[in-house]
């Protein structure tokens, strides 16, 4: 179940399903209500899931140059801070 040109085409479907469940839990935990999110959740979920899938695909194409733990940390930072803020050095 690997993405990419020679990989399993079902990967994206399975990944999106997995992410939908886990991101929804985190969004509910963080926002406590769909009413507090300035855009509809279905669009927010589509954006976050597609971005995460793109990052996983890029990570695999680059030869997994970061550990899974480092990738999870990057996902968390980009989701919580926004991609732009997470790229700014302090």
PDB file of N, CA and C in Angstrom:
ATOM      1  N   UNK A   1       0.840  -1.180   0.000  1.00  0.00           N
ATOM      2  CA  UNK A   1       0.000   0.000   0.000  1.00  0.00           C
ATOM      3  C   UNK A   1       0.890   1.249   0.000  1.00  0.00           C
ATOM      4  N   UNK A   2       1.563   1.491  -1.104  1.00  0.00           N
ATOM      5  CA  UNK A   2       2.475   2.627  -1.223  1.00  0.00           C
ATOM      6  C   UNK A   2       1.971   3.541  -2.341  1.00  0.00           C
ATOM      7  N   UNK A   3       2.007   4.865  -2.125  1.00  0.00           N
ATOM      8  CA  UNK A   3       1.588   5.776  -3.192  1.00  0.00           C
ATOM      9  C   UNK A   3       2.684   5.936  -4.230  1.00  0.00           C
ATOM     10  N   UNK A   4       2.350   6.574  -5.306  1.00  0.00           N
ATOM     11  CA  UNK A   4       3.349   6.852  -6.338  1.00  0.00           C
ATOM     12  C   UNK A   4       2.950   6.207  -7.640  1.00  0.00           C
ATOM     13  N   UNK A   5       3.734   6.452  -8.695  1.00  0.00           N
ATOM     14  CA  UNK A   5       3.403   5.957 -10.018  1.00  0.00           C
ATOM     15  C   UNK A   5       3.292   4.430 -10.093  1.00  0.00           C
ATOM     16  N   UNK A   6       4.095   3.715  -9.318  1.00  0.00           N
ATOM     17  CA  UNK A   6       4.056   2.251  -9.359  1.00  0.00           C
ATOM     18  C   UNK A   6       3.400   1.663  -8.111  1.00  0.00           C
ATOM     19  N   UNK A   7       2.820   2.526  -7.301  1.00  0.00           N
ATOM     20  CA  UNK A   7       2.232   2.092  -6.038  1.00  0.00           C
ATOM     21  C   UNK A   7       0.761   1.715  -6.170  1.00  0.00           C
ATOM     22  N   UNK A   8       0.170   1.448  -5.046  1.00  0.00           N
ATOM     23  CA  UNK A   8      -1.227   1.046  -4.944  1.00  0.00           C
ATOM     24  C   UNK A   8      -2.131   2.268  -5.082  1.00  0.00           C
ATOM     25  N   UNK A   9      -3.001   2.312  -6.091  1.00  0.00           N
ATOM     26  CA  UNK A   9      -3.889   3.468  -6.259  1.00  0.00           C
ATOM     27  C   UNK A   9      -4.889   3.612  -5.112  1.00  0.00           C
ATOM     28  N   UNK A  10      -5.107   2.556  -4.349  1.00  0.00           N
ATOM     29  CA  UNK A  10      -6.033   2.626  -3.223  1.00  0.00           C
ATOM     30  C   UNK A  10      -5.416   3.342  -2.019  1.00  0.00           C
ATOM     31  N   UNK A  11      -4.115   3.607  -2.067  1.00  0.00           N
ATOM     32  CA  UNK A  11      -3.446   4.252  -0.939  1.00  0.00           C
ATOM     33  C   UNK A  11      -4.107   5.576  -0.577  1.00  0.00           C
ATOM     34  N   UNK A  12      -4.337   6.423  -1.578  1.00  0.00           N
ATOM     35  CA  UNK A  12      -4.913   7.748  -1.320  1.00  0.00           C
ATOM     36  C   UNK A  12      -6.281   7.622  -0.670  1.00  0.00           C
ATOM     37  N   UNK A  13      -7.084   6.711  -1.121  1.00  0.00           N
ATOM     38  CA  UNK A  13      -8.428   6.518  -0.547  1.00  0.00           C
ATOM     39  C   UNK A  13      -8.320   6.077   0.907  1.00  0.00           C
ATOM     40  N   UNK A  14      -7.464   5.110   1.177  1.00  0.00           N
ATOM     41  CA  UNK A  14      -7.284   4.615   2.546  1.00  0.00           C
ATOM     42  C   UNK A  14      -6.680   5.691   3.438  1.00  0.00           C
ATOM     43  N   UNK A  15      -5.698   6.404   2.929  1.00  0.00           N
ATOM     44  CA  UNK A  15      -5.050   7.465   3.698  1.00  0.00           C
ATOM     45  C   UNK A  15      -6.058   8.553   4.052  1.00  0.00           C
ATOM     46  N   UNK A  16      -6.853   8.973   3.073  1.00  0.00           N
ATOM     47  CA  UNK A  16      -7.839  10.020   3.321  1.00  0.00           C
ATOM     48  C   UNK A  16      -8.871   9.585   4.353  1.00  0.00           C
ATOM     49  N   UNK A  17      -9.306   8.335   4.294  1.00  0.00           N
ATOM     50  CA  UNK A  17     -10.250   7.826   5.286  1.00  0.00           C
ATOM     51  C   UNK A  17      -9.646   7.829   6.680  1.00  0.00           C
ATOM     52  N   UNK A  18      -8.406   7.367   6.786  1.00  0.00           N
ATOM     53  CA  UNK A  18      -7.704   7.342   8.068  1.00  0.00           C
ATOM     54  C   UNK A  18      -7.553   8.761   8.623  1.00  0.00           C
ATOM     55  N   UNK A  19      -7.106   9.680   7.772  1.00  0.00           N
ATOM     56  CA  UNK A  19      -6.886  11.057   8.206  1.00  0.00           C
ATOM     57  C   UNK A  19      -8.193  11.739   8.585  1.00  0.00           C
ATOM     58  N   UNK A  20      -9.253  11.456   7.852  1.00  0.00           N
ATOM     59  CA  UNK A  20     -10.546  12.079   8.149  1.00  0.00           C
ATOM     60  C   UNK A  20     -10.971  11.763   9.580  1.00  0.00           C
ATOM     61  N   UNK A  21     -10.844  10.520   9.983  1.00  0.00           N
ATOM     62  CA  UNK A  21     -11.223  10.107  11.334  1.00  0.00           C
ATOM     63  C   UNK A  21     -10.348  10.796  12.373  1.00  0.00           C
ATOM     64  N   UNK A  22      -9.041  10.759  12.166  1.00  0.00           N
ATOM     65  CA  UNK A  22      -8.122  11.300  13.171  1.00  0.00           C
ATOM     66  C   UNK A  22      -8.107  12.826  13.208  1.00  0.00           C
ATOM     67  N   UNK A  23      -8.216  13.469  12.061  1.00  0.00           N
ATOM     68  CA  UNK A  23      -8.262  14.933  12.061  1.00  0.00           C
ATOM     69  C   UNK A  23      -9.562  15.438  12.666  1.00  0.00           C
ATOM     70  N   UNK A  24     -10.648  14.761  12.389  1.00  0.00           N
ATOM     71  CA  UNK A  24     -11.936  15.170  12.946  1.00  0.00           C
ATOM     72  C   UNK A  24     -11.895  15.102  14.465  1.00  0.00           C
ATOM     73  N   UNK A  25     -11.294  14.045  15.002  1.00  0.00           N
ATOM     74  CA  UNK A  25     -11.143  13.941  16.460  1.00  0.00           C
ATOM     75  C   UNK A  25     -10.346  15.118  17.004  1.00  0.00           C
ATOM     76  N   UNK A  26      -9.234  15.437  16.355  1.00  0.00           N
ATOM     77  CA  UNK A  26      -8.384  16.541  16.816  1.00  0.00           C
ATOM     78  C   UNK A  26      -9.088  17.890  16.678  1.00  0.00           C
ATOM     79  N   UNK A  27      -9.808  18.094  15.571  1.00  0.00           N
ATOM     80  CA  UNK A  27     -10.522  19.357  15.398  1.00  0.00           C
ATOM     81  C   UNK A  27     -11.608  19.505  16.462  1.00  0.00           C
ATOM     82  N   UNK A  28     -12.317  18.424  16.744  1.00  0.00           N
ATOM     83  CA  UNK A  28     -13.341  18.471  17.790  1.00  0.00           C
ATOM     84  C   UNK A  28     -12.712  18.774  19.146  1.00  0.00           C
ATOM     85  N   UNK A  29     -11.564  18.196  19.404  1.00  0.00           N
ATOM     86  CA  UNK A  29     -10.857  18.408  20.662  1.00  0.00           C
ATOM     87  C   UNK A  29     -10.386  19.867  20.779  1.00  0.00           C
ATOM     88  N   UNK A  30      -9.913  20.424  19.695  1.00  0.00           N
ATOM     89  CA  UNK A  30      -9.348  21.769  19.709  1.00  0.00           C
ATOM     90  C   UNK A  30     -10.432  22.850  19.678  1.00  0.00           C
ATOM     91  N   UNK A  31     -11.412  22.699  18.796  1.00  0.00           N
ATOM     92  CA  UNK A  31     -12.421  23.735  18.613  1.00  0.00           C
ATOM     93  C   UNK A  31     -13.687  23.523  19.444  1.00  0.00           C
ATOM     94  N   UNK A  32     -13.958  22.305  19.832  1.00  0.00           N
ATOM     95  CA  UNK A  32     -15.128  21.944  20.641  1.00  0.00           C
ATOM     96  C   UNK A  32     -16.460  22.123  19.912  1.00  0.00           C
ATOM     97  N   UNK A  33     -16.468  22.789  18.804  1.00  0.00           N
ATOM     98  CA  UNK A  33     -17.712  23.011  18.066  1.00  0.00           C
ATOM     99  C   UNK A  33     -17.384  23.430  16.643  1.00  0.00           C
ATOM    100  N   UNK A  34     -18.150  22.916  15.718  1.00  0.00           N
ATOM    101  CA  UNK A  34     -17.966  23.285  14.310  1.00  0.00           C
ATOM    102  C   UNK A  34     -18.259  24.764  14.091  1.00  0.00           C
ATOM    103  N   UNK A  35     -19.068  25.356  14.966  1.00  0.00           N
ATOM    104  CA  UNK A  35     -19.440  26.765  14.836  1.00  0.00           C
ATOM    105  C   UNK A  35     -18.256  27.710  15.053  1.00  0.00           C
ATOM    106  N   UNK A  36     -17.187  27.244  15.711  1.00  0.00           N
ATOM    107  CA  UNK A  36     -16.043  28.101  16.005  1.00  0.00           C
ATOM    108  C   UNK A  36     -15.033  28.147  14.857  1.00  0.00           C
ATOM    109  N   UNK A  37     -15.226  27.353  13.834  1.00  0.00           N
ATOM    110  CA  UNK A  37     -14.298  27.306  12.703  1.00  0.00           C
ATOM    111  C   UNK A  37     -14.813  28.267  11.624  1.00  0.00           C
ATOM    112  N   UNK A  38     -13.964  29.177  11.130  1.00  0.00           N
ATOM    113  CA  UNK A  38     -14.432  30.196  10.190  1.00  0.00           C
ATOM    114  C   UNK A  38     -14.779  29.679   8.786  1.00  0.00           C
ATOM    115  N   UNK A  39     -14.410  28.454   8.448  1.00  0.00           N
ATOM    116  CA  UNK A  39     -14.793  27.860   7.158  1.00  0.00           C
ATOM    117  C   UNK A  39     -15.506  26.543   7.450  1.00  0.00           C
ATOM    118  N   UNK A  40     -16.346  26.074   6.532  1.00  0.00           N
ATOM    119  CA  UNK A  40     -17.013  24.782   6.774  1.00  0.00           C
ATOM    120  C   UNK A  40     -15.995  23.657   6.970  1.00  0.00           C
ATOM    121  N   UNK A  41     -16.278  22.778   7.924  1.00  0.00           N
ATOM    122  CA  UNK A  41     -15.350  21.694   8.275  1.00  0.00           C
ATOM    123  C   UNK A  41     -15.032  20.804   7.092  1.00  0.00           C
ATOM    124  N   UNK A  42     -15.992  20.543   6.217  1.00  0.00           N
ATOM    125  CA  UNK A  42     -15.704  19.642   5.109  1.00  0.00           C
ATOM    126  C   UNK A  42     -14.622  20.223   4.196  1.00  0.00           C
ATOM    127  N   UNK A  43     -14.592  21.539   4.018  1.00  0.00           N
ATOM    128  CA  UNK A  43     -13.546  22.166   3.214  1.00  0.00           C
ATOM    129  C   UNK A  43     -12.216  22.185   3.966  1.00  0.00           C
ATOM    130  N   UNK A  44     -12.283  22.472   5.251  1.00  0.00           N
ATOM    131  CA  UNK A  44     -11.073  22.437   6.069  1.00  0.00           C
ATOM    132  C   UNK A  44     -10.461  21.047   6.065  1.00  0.00           C
ATOM    133  N   UNK A  45     -11.298  20.028   6.223  1.00  0.00           N
ATOM    134  CA  UNK A  45     -10.818  18.641   6.220  1.00  0.00           C
ATOM    135  C   UNK A  45     -10.203  18.296   4.866  1.00  0.00           C
ATOM    136  N   UNK A  46     -10.863  18.680   3.781  1.00  0.00           N
ATOM    137  CA  UNK A  46     -10.340  18.392   2.439  1.00  0.00           C
ATOM    138  C   UNK A  46      -8.974  19.043   2.245  1.00  0.00           C
ATOM    139  N   UNK A  47      -8.815  20.266   2.711  1.00  0.00           N
ATOM    140  CA  UNK A  47      -7.537  20.980   2.587  1.00  0.00           C
ATOM    141  C   UNK A  47      -6.444  20.276   3.391  1.00  0.00           C
ATOM    142  N   UNK A  48      -6.711  19.995   4.652  1.00  0.00           N
ATOM    143  CA  UNK A  48      -5.713  19.370   5.515  1.00  0.00           C
ATOM    144  C   UNK A  48      -5.334  17.973   5.039  1.00  0.00           C
ATOM    145  N   UNK A  49      -6.328  17.190   4.651  1.00  0.00           N
ATOM    146  CA  UNK A  49      -6.063  15.817   4.218  1.00  0.00           C
ATOM    147  C   UNK A  49      -5.249  15.806   2.928  1.00  0.00           C
ATOM    148  N   UNK A  50      -5.618  16.650   1.982  1.00  0.00           N
ATOM    149  CA  UNK A  50      -4.864  16.701   0.719  1.00  0.00           C
ATOM    150  C   UNK A  50      -3.433  17.165   0.952  1.00  0.00           C
ATOM    151  N   UNK A  51      -3.269  18.137   1.837  1.00  0.00           N
ATOM    152  CA  UNK A  51      -1.919  18.618   2.143  1.00  0.00           C
ATOM    153  C   UNK A  51      -1.087  17.508   2.786  1.00  0.00           C
ATOM    154  N   UNK A  52      -1.672  16.789   3.728  1.00  0.00           N
ATOM    155  CA  UNK A  52      -0.948  15.703   4.394  1.00  0.00           C
ATOM    156  C   UNK A  52      -0.583  14.598   3.405  1.00  0.00           C
ATOM    157  N   UNK A  53      -1.502  14.264   2.521  1.00  0.00           N
ATOM    158  CA  UNK A  53      -1.219  13.240   1.513  1.00  0.00           C
ATOM    159  C   UNK A  53      -0.068  13.691   0.619  1.00  0.00           C
ATOM    160  N   UNK A  54      -0.076  14.951   0.212  1.00  0.00           N
ATOM    161  CA  UNK A  54       1.012  15.472  -0.616  1.00  0.00           C
ATOM    162  C   UNK A  54       2.352  15.411   0.101  1.00  0.00           C
ATOM    163  N   UNK A  55       2.350  15.690   1.386  1.00  0.00           N
ATOM    164  CA  UNK A  55       3.591  15.638   2.163  1.00  0.00           C
ATOM    165  C   UNK A  55       4.100  14.203   2.271  1.00  0.00           C
ATOM    166  N   UNK A  56       3.200  13.255   2.511  1.00  0.00           N
ATOM    167  CA  UNK A  56       3.602  11.844   2.595  1.00  0.00           C
ATOM    168  C   UNK A  56       4.185  11.394   1.257  1.00  0.00           C
ATOM    169  N   UNK A  57       3.526  11.758   0.176  1.00  0.00           N
ATOM    170  CA  UNK A  57       4.027  11.378  -1.145  1.00  0.00           C
ATOM    171  C   UNK A  57       5.403  11.992  -1.396  1.00  0.00           C
ATOM    172  N   UNK A  58       5.576  13.262  -1.050  1.00  0.00           N
ATOM    173  CA  UNK A  58       6.865  13.926  -1.224  1.00  0.00           C
ATOM    174  C   UNK A  58       7.933  13.242  -0.371  1.00  0.00           C
ATOM    175  N   UNK A  59       7.597  12.937   0.883  1.00  0.00           N
ATOM    176  CA  UNK A  59       8.524  12.269   1.799  1.00  0.00           C
ATOM    177  C   UNK A  59       8.994  10.933   1.222  1.00  0.00           C
ATOM    178  N   UNK A  60       8.068  10.163   0.672  1.00  0.00           N
ATOM    179  CA  UNK A  60       8.424   8.872   0.075  1.00  0.00           C
ATOM    180  C   UNK A  60       9.282   9.055  -1.172  1.00  0.00           C
ATOM    181  N   UNK A  61       8.939  10.040  -2.004  1.00  0.00           N
ATOM    182  CA  UNK A  61       9.721  10.297  -3.216  1.00  0.00           C
ATOM    183  C   UNK A  61      11.155  10.730  -2.890  1.00  0.00           C
ATOM    184  N   UNK A  62      11.332  11.415  -1.778  1.00  0.00           N
ATOM    185  CA  UNK A  62      12.651  11.900  -1.373  1.00  0.00           C
ATOM    186  C   UNK A  62      13.454  10.847  -0.620  1.00  0.00           C
ATOM    187  N   UNK A  63      12.937   9.651  -0.532  1.00  0.00           N
ATOM    188  CA  UNK A  63      13.677   8.574   0.109  1.00  0.00           C
ATOM    189  C   UNK A  63      13.544   8.532   1.621  1.00  0.00           C
ATOM    190  N   UNK A  64      12.462   9.082   2.123  1.00  0.00           N
ATOM    191  CA  UNK A  64      12.183   9.075   3.564  1.00  0.00           C
ATOM    192  C   UNK A  64      13.362   9.650   4.351  1.00  0.00           C
ATOM    193  N   UNK A  65      13.734  10.852   3.978  1.00  0.00           N
ATOM    194  CA  UNK A  65      14.896  11.501   4.576  1.00  0.00           C
ATOM    195  C   UNK A  65      14.671  11.982   6.013  1.00  0.00           C
ATOM    196  N   UNK A  66      13.439  11.920   6.498  1.00  0.00           N
ATOM    197  CA  UNK A  66      13.124  12.251   7.882  1.00  0.00           C
ATOM    198  C   UNK A  66      12.471  11.027   8.526  1.00  0.00           C
ATOM    199  N   UNK A  67      12.604  10.910   9.829  1.00  0.00           N
ATOM    200  CA  UNK A  67      11.982   9.782  10.527  1.00  0.00           C
ATOM    201  C   UNK A  67      10.459   9.981  10.578  1.00  0.00           C
ATOM    202  N   UNK A  68       9.703   8.899  10.774  1.00  0.00           N
ATOM    203  CA  UNK A  68       8.252   9.049  10.938  1.00  0.00           C
ATOM    204  C   UNK A  68       7.904  10.014  12.080  1.00  0.00           C
ATOM    205  N   UNK A  69       8.685   9.990  13.158  1.00  0.00           N
ATOM    206  CA  UNK A  69       8.437  10.895  14.275  1.00  0.00           C
ATOM    207  C   UNK A  69       8.607  12.351  13.832  1.00  0.00           C
ATOM    208  N   UNK A  70       9.661  12.631  13.069  1.00  0.00           N
ATOM    209  CA  UNK A  70       9.880  13.987  12.569  1.00  0.00           C
ATOM    210  C   UNK A  70       8.743  14.416  11.641  1.00  0.00           C
ATOM    211  N   UNK A  71       8.257  13.485  10.838  1.00  0.00           N
ATOM    212  CA  UNK A  71       7.146  13.792   9.942  1.00  0.00           C
ATOM    213  C   UNK A  71       5.877  14.105  10.740  1.00  0.00           C
ATOM    214  N   UNK A  72       5.615  13.321  11.773  1.00  0.00           N
ATOM    215  CA  UNK A  72       4.442  13.570  12.616  1.00  0.00           C
ATOM    216  C   UNK A  72       4.536  14.948  13.268  1.00  0.00           C
ATOM    217  N   UNK A  73       5.727  15.323  13.706  1.00  0.00           N
ATOM    218  CA  UNK A  73       5.925  16.638  14.306  1.00  0.00           C
ATOM    219  C   UNK A  73       5.668  17.742  13.274  1.00  0.00           C
ATOM    220  N   UNK A  74       6.172  17.547  12.053  1.00  0.00           N
ATOM    221  CA  UNK A  74       5.925  18.537  11.000  1.00  0.00           C
ATOM    222  C   UNK A  74       4.441  18.672  10.702  1.00  0.00           C
ATOM    223  N   UNK A  75       3.733  17.537  10.610  1.00  0.00           N
ATOM    224  CA  UNK A  75       2.281  17.567  10.382  1.00  0.00           C
ATOM    225  C   UNK A  75       1.590  18.368  11.478  1.00  0.00           C
ATOM    226  N   UNK A  76       1.969  18.095  12.722  1.00  0.00           N
ATOM    227  CA  UNK A  76       1.347  18.773  13.848  1.00  0.00           C
ATOM    228  C   UNK A  76       1.600  20.271  13.790  1.00  0.00           C
ATOM    229  N   UNK A  77       2.841  20.656  13.545  1.00  0.00           N
ATOM    230  CA  UNK A  77       3.170  22.082  13.471  1.00  0.00           C
ATOM    231  C   UNK A  77       2.428  22.771  12.328  1.00  0.00           C
ATOM    232  N   UNK A  78       2.417  22.157  11.152  1.00  0.00           N
ATOM    233  CA  UNK A  78       1.754  22.777  10.013  1.00  0.00           C
ATOM    234  C   UNK A  78       0.247  22.857  10.201  1.00  0.00           C
ATOM    235  N   UNK A  79      -0.328  21.891  10.903  1.00  0.00           N
ATOM    236  CA  UNK A  79      -1.764  21.904  11.140  1.00  0.00           C
ATOM    237  C   UNK A  79      -2.126  22.935  12.208  1.00  0.00           C
ATOM    238  N   UNK A  80      -1.352  23.005  13.268  1.00  0.00           N
ATOM    239  CA  UNK A  80      -1.656  23.922  14.360  1.00  0.00           C
ATOM    240  C   UNK A  80      -1.280  25.366  14.053  1.00  0.00           C
ATOM    241  N   UNK A  81      -0.162  25.582  13.379  1.00  0.00           N
ATOM    242  CA  UNK A  81       0.341  26.932  13.166  1.00  0.00           C
ATOM    243  C   UNK A  81       0.018  27.515  11.805  1.00  0.00           C
ATOM    244  N   UNK A  82      -0.274  26.703  10.858  1.00  0.00           N
ATOM    245  CA  UNK A  82      -0.442  27.018   9.440  1.00  0.00           C
ATOM    246  C   UNK A  82       0.895  26.767   8.758  1.00  0.00           C
ATOM    247  N   UNK A  83       0.868  26.402   7.496  1.00  0.00           N
ATOM    248  CA  UNK A  83       2.123  26.127   6.800  1.00  0.00           C
ATOM    249  C   UNK A  83       3.083  27.320   6.793  1.00  0.00           C
ATOM    250  N   UNK A  84       2.553  28.522   6.643  1.00  0.00           N
ATOM    251  CA  UNK A  84       3.421  29.708   6.592  1.00  0.00           C
ATOM    252  C   UNK A  84       4.084  29.951   7.940  1.00  0.00           C
ATOM    253  N   UNK A  85       3.302  29.947   9.022  1.00  0.00           N
ATOM    254  CA  UNK A  85       3.856  30.199  10.341  1.00  0.00           C
ATOM    255  C   UNK A  85       4.846  29.107  10.750  1.00  0.00           C
ATOM    256  N   UNK A  86       4.570  27.865  10.392  1.00  0.00           N
ATOM    257  CA  UNK A  86       5.458  26.775  10.794  1.00  0.00           C
ATOM    258  C   UNK A  86       6.797  26.841  10.056  1.00  0.00           C
ATOM    259  N   UNK A  87       6.860  27.547   8.937  1.00  0.00           N
ATOM    260  CA  UNK A  87       8.098  27.683   8.187  1.00  0.00           C
ATOM    261  C   UNK A  87       8.961  28.850   8.623  1.00  0.00           C
ATOM    262  N   UNK A  88       8.424  29.700   9.513  1.00  0.00           N
ATOM    263  CA  UNK A  88       9.182  30.857   9.975  1.00  0.00           C
ATOM    264  C   UNK A  88      10.075  30.467  11.136  1.00  0.00           C
ATOM    265  N   UNK A  89      11.322  30.857  11.052  1.00  0.00           N
ATOM    266  CA  UNK A  89      12.278  30.598  12.135  1.00  0.00           C
ATOM    267  C   UNK A  89      12.176  31.712  13.164  1.00  0.00           C
ATOM    268  N   UNK A  90      12.322  31.335  14.405  1.00  0.00           N
ATOM    269  CA  UNK A  90      12.287  32.344  15.479  1.00  0.00           C
ATOM    270  C   UNK A  90      13.645  32.950  15.679  1.00  0.00           C
TER     271      UNK A  90
END
